[in-house]
Amino acid sequence: MTTADVAFYLFSVFNGLRVFSYLPQIYCVARDTGGAAVISYWTWGLWAAANASTAAYAFLSLGDLPLAVINLLNSVCCAIVIGLTVVKRQQLSRRHAQGLGERRRTGALAHAEQ
């Protein structure tokens, strides 16, 4: 086995595991009730774009389909986290707006402002 073979196997194992490592994050964001405040759109967007561009490079420039697929999967996982975060933040915003409307209707907000 050459060092290139070892590098290939290490790459394959760790990048395969990386796809699965997104699952706990996806699960946590899906269950979050606080608007997924700890998720940074900038960071996750950058990771999604980096993985997508690596996938495109691997496929178009290198003709390396396995490398392209693994990076595309990583990009999709990042996009799922971003999408779930958008949904969670919209849900939180609606809950806050509904709560504010309810407080105004009952007069609780008027009393709090005095």
Protein backbone atom coordinates (compact mmCIF):
# COMPACT_ATOMS: atom_id res chain seq x y z
CA MET A 1 0.00 0.00 0.00
CA THR A 2 1.38 3.37 -1.03
CA THR A 3 1.08 6.62 0.86
CA ALA A 4 -1.37 7.77 -1.83
CA ASP A 5 -3.54 4.72 -1.04
CA VAL A 6 -3.44 5.54 2.66
CA ALA A 7 -4.39 9.16 1.91
CA PHE A 8 -7.29 8.00 -0.27
CA TYR A 9 -8.65 5.66 2.41
CA LEU A 10 -8.30 8.27 5.13
CA PHE A 11 -10.06 10.82 2.94
CA SER A 12 -12.84 8.36 2.17
CA VAL A 13 -13.39 7.34 5.77
CA PHE A 14 -13.31 10.83 7.27
CA ASN A 15 -15.42 12.45 4.57
CA GLY A 16 -17.93 9.64 4.80
CA LEU A 17 -18.10 10.19 8.54
CA ARG A 18 -18.41 13.93 8.00
CA VAL A 19 -21.69 13.44 6.15
CA PHE A 20 -23.05 11.54 9.15
CA SER A 21 -21.67 14.12 11.57
CA TYR A 22 -24.22 16.63 10.25
CA LEU A 23 -27.11 14.48 11.51
CA PRO A 24 -26.84 15.48 15.20
CA GLN A 25 -26.74 19.16 14.20
CA ILE A 26 -29.73 18.73 11.90
CA TYR A 27 -31.59 16.93 14.70
CA CYS A 28 -30.81 19.67 17.23
CA VAL A 29 -31.92 22.46 14.89
CA ALA A 30 -35.10 20.56 14.01
CA ARG A 31 -36.00 20.26 17.72
CA ASP A 32 -34.95 23.80 18.69
CA THR A 33 -37.69 26.11 19.95
CA GLY A 34 -35.56 29.23 20.34
CA GLY A 35 -35.04 30.15 16.69
CA ALA A 36 -31.78 28.20 16.33
CA ALA A 37 -29.97 31.28 17.60
CA VAL A 38 -26.57 29.59 17.71
CA ILE A 39 -26.58 28.85 13.97
CA SER A 40 -24.67 31.38 11.87
CA TYR A 41 -26.04 31.81 8.35
CA TRP A 42 -22.68 33.22 7.27
CA THR A 43 -20.69 30.22 8.53
CA TRP A 44 -23.06 27.52 7.30
CA GLY A 45 -23.50 29.35 3.97
CA LEU A 46 -19.75 29.52 3.51
CA TRP A 47 -19.43 25.79 4.27
CA ALA A 48 -22.24 24.99 1.82
CA ALA A 49 -20.61 27.10 -0.90
CA ALA A 50 -17.13 25.66 -0.26
CA ASN A 51 -18.45 22.11 -0.49
CA ALA A 52 -20.51 22.87 -3.59
CA SER A 53 -17.57 24.53 -5.36
CA THR A 54 -15.32 21.58 -4.46
CA ALA A 55 -17.95 19.24 -5.88
CA ALA A 56 -18.08 21.24 -9.11
CA TYR A 57 -14.28 21.34 -9.37
CA ALA A 58 -13.97 17.62 -8.69
CA PHE A 59 -16.53 16.75 -11.32
CA LEU A 60 -15.78 19.32 -14.02
CA SER A 61 -12.01 19.68 -13.71
CA LEU A 62 -10.88 16.35 -12.31
CA GLY A 63 -13.62 14.05 -13.54
CA ASP A 64 -13.68 12.56 -10.04
CA LEU A 65 -17.28 11.53 -9.43
CA PRO A 66 -16.78 10.06 -5.91
CA LEU A 67 -15.08 13.26 -4.72
CA ALA A 68 -17.82 15.34 -6.33
CA VAL A 69 -20.60 13.29 -4.73
CA ILE A 70 -19.17 13.40 -1.22
CA ASN A 71 -18.74 17.18 -1.40
CA LEU A 72 -22.20 17.60 -2.88
CA LEU A 73 -23.65 15.59 0.03
CA ASN A 74 -21.77 17.80 2.48
CA SER A 75 -23.17 20.88 0.75
CA VAL A 76 -26.71 19.47 0.90
CA CYS A 77 -26.34 18.80 4.64
CA CYS A 78 -25.22 22.39 5.18
CA ALA A 79 -28.19 23.62 3.15
CA ILE A 80 -30.53 21.52 5.30
CA VAL A 81 -29.17 23.18 8.45
CA ILE A 82 -29.66 26.61 6.85
CA GLY A 83 -33.19 25.76 5.70
CA LEU A 84 -34.21 24.43 9.10
CA THR A 85 -32.78 27.53 10.74
CA VAL A 86 -34.86 29.77 8.46
CA VAL A 87 -38.00 27.81 9.41
CA LYS A 88 -37.19 27.90 13.13
CA ARG A 89 -36.56 31.64 13.11
CA GLN A 90 -39.80 32.27 11.24
CA GLN A 91 -41.69 30.13 13.76
CA LEU A 92 -40.15 32.05 16.66
CA SER A 93 -40.99 35.37 15.05
CA ARG A 94 -44.63 34.31 14.57
CA ARG A 95 -44.86 33.15 18.20
CA HIS A 96 -43.49 36.48 19.40
CA ALA A 97 -45.91 38.40 17.18
CA GLN A 98 -48.84 36.29 18.40
CA GLY A 99 -47.79 36.81 22.02
CA LEU A 100 -47.52 40.56 21.50
CA GLY A 101 -50.96 40.63 19.89
CA GLU A 102 -52.45 38.61 22.75
CA ARG A 103 -50.91 40.93 25.36
CA ARG A 104 -52.31 43.97 23.53
CA ARG A 105 -55.77 42.40 23.37
CA THR A 106 -55.84 41.61 27.08
CA GLY A 107 -54.43 44.95 28.11
CA ALA A 108 -51.38 43.40 29.71
CA LEU A 109 -49.08 45.40 27.48
CA ALA A 110 -50.84 48.68 28.33
CA HIS A 111 -50.39 47.99 32.04
CA ALA A 112 -46.74 47.05 31.56
CA GLU A 113 -46.04 50.27 29.66
CA GLN A 114 -47.41 52.51 32.44
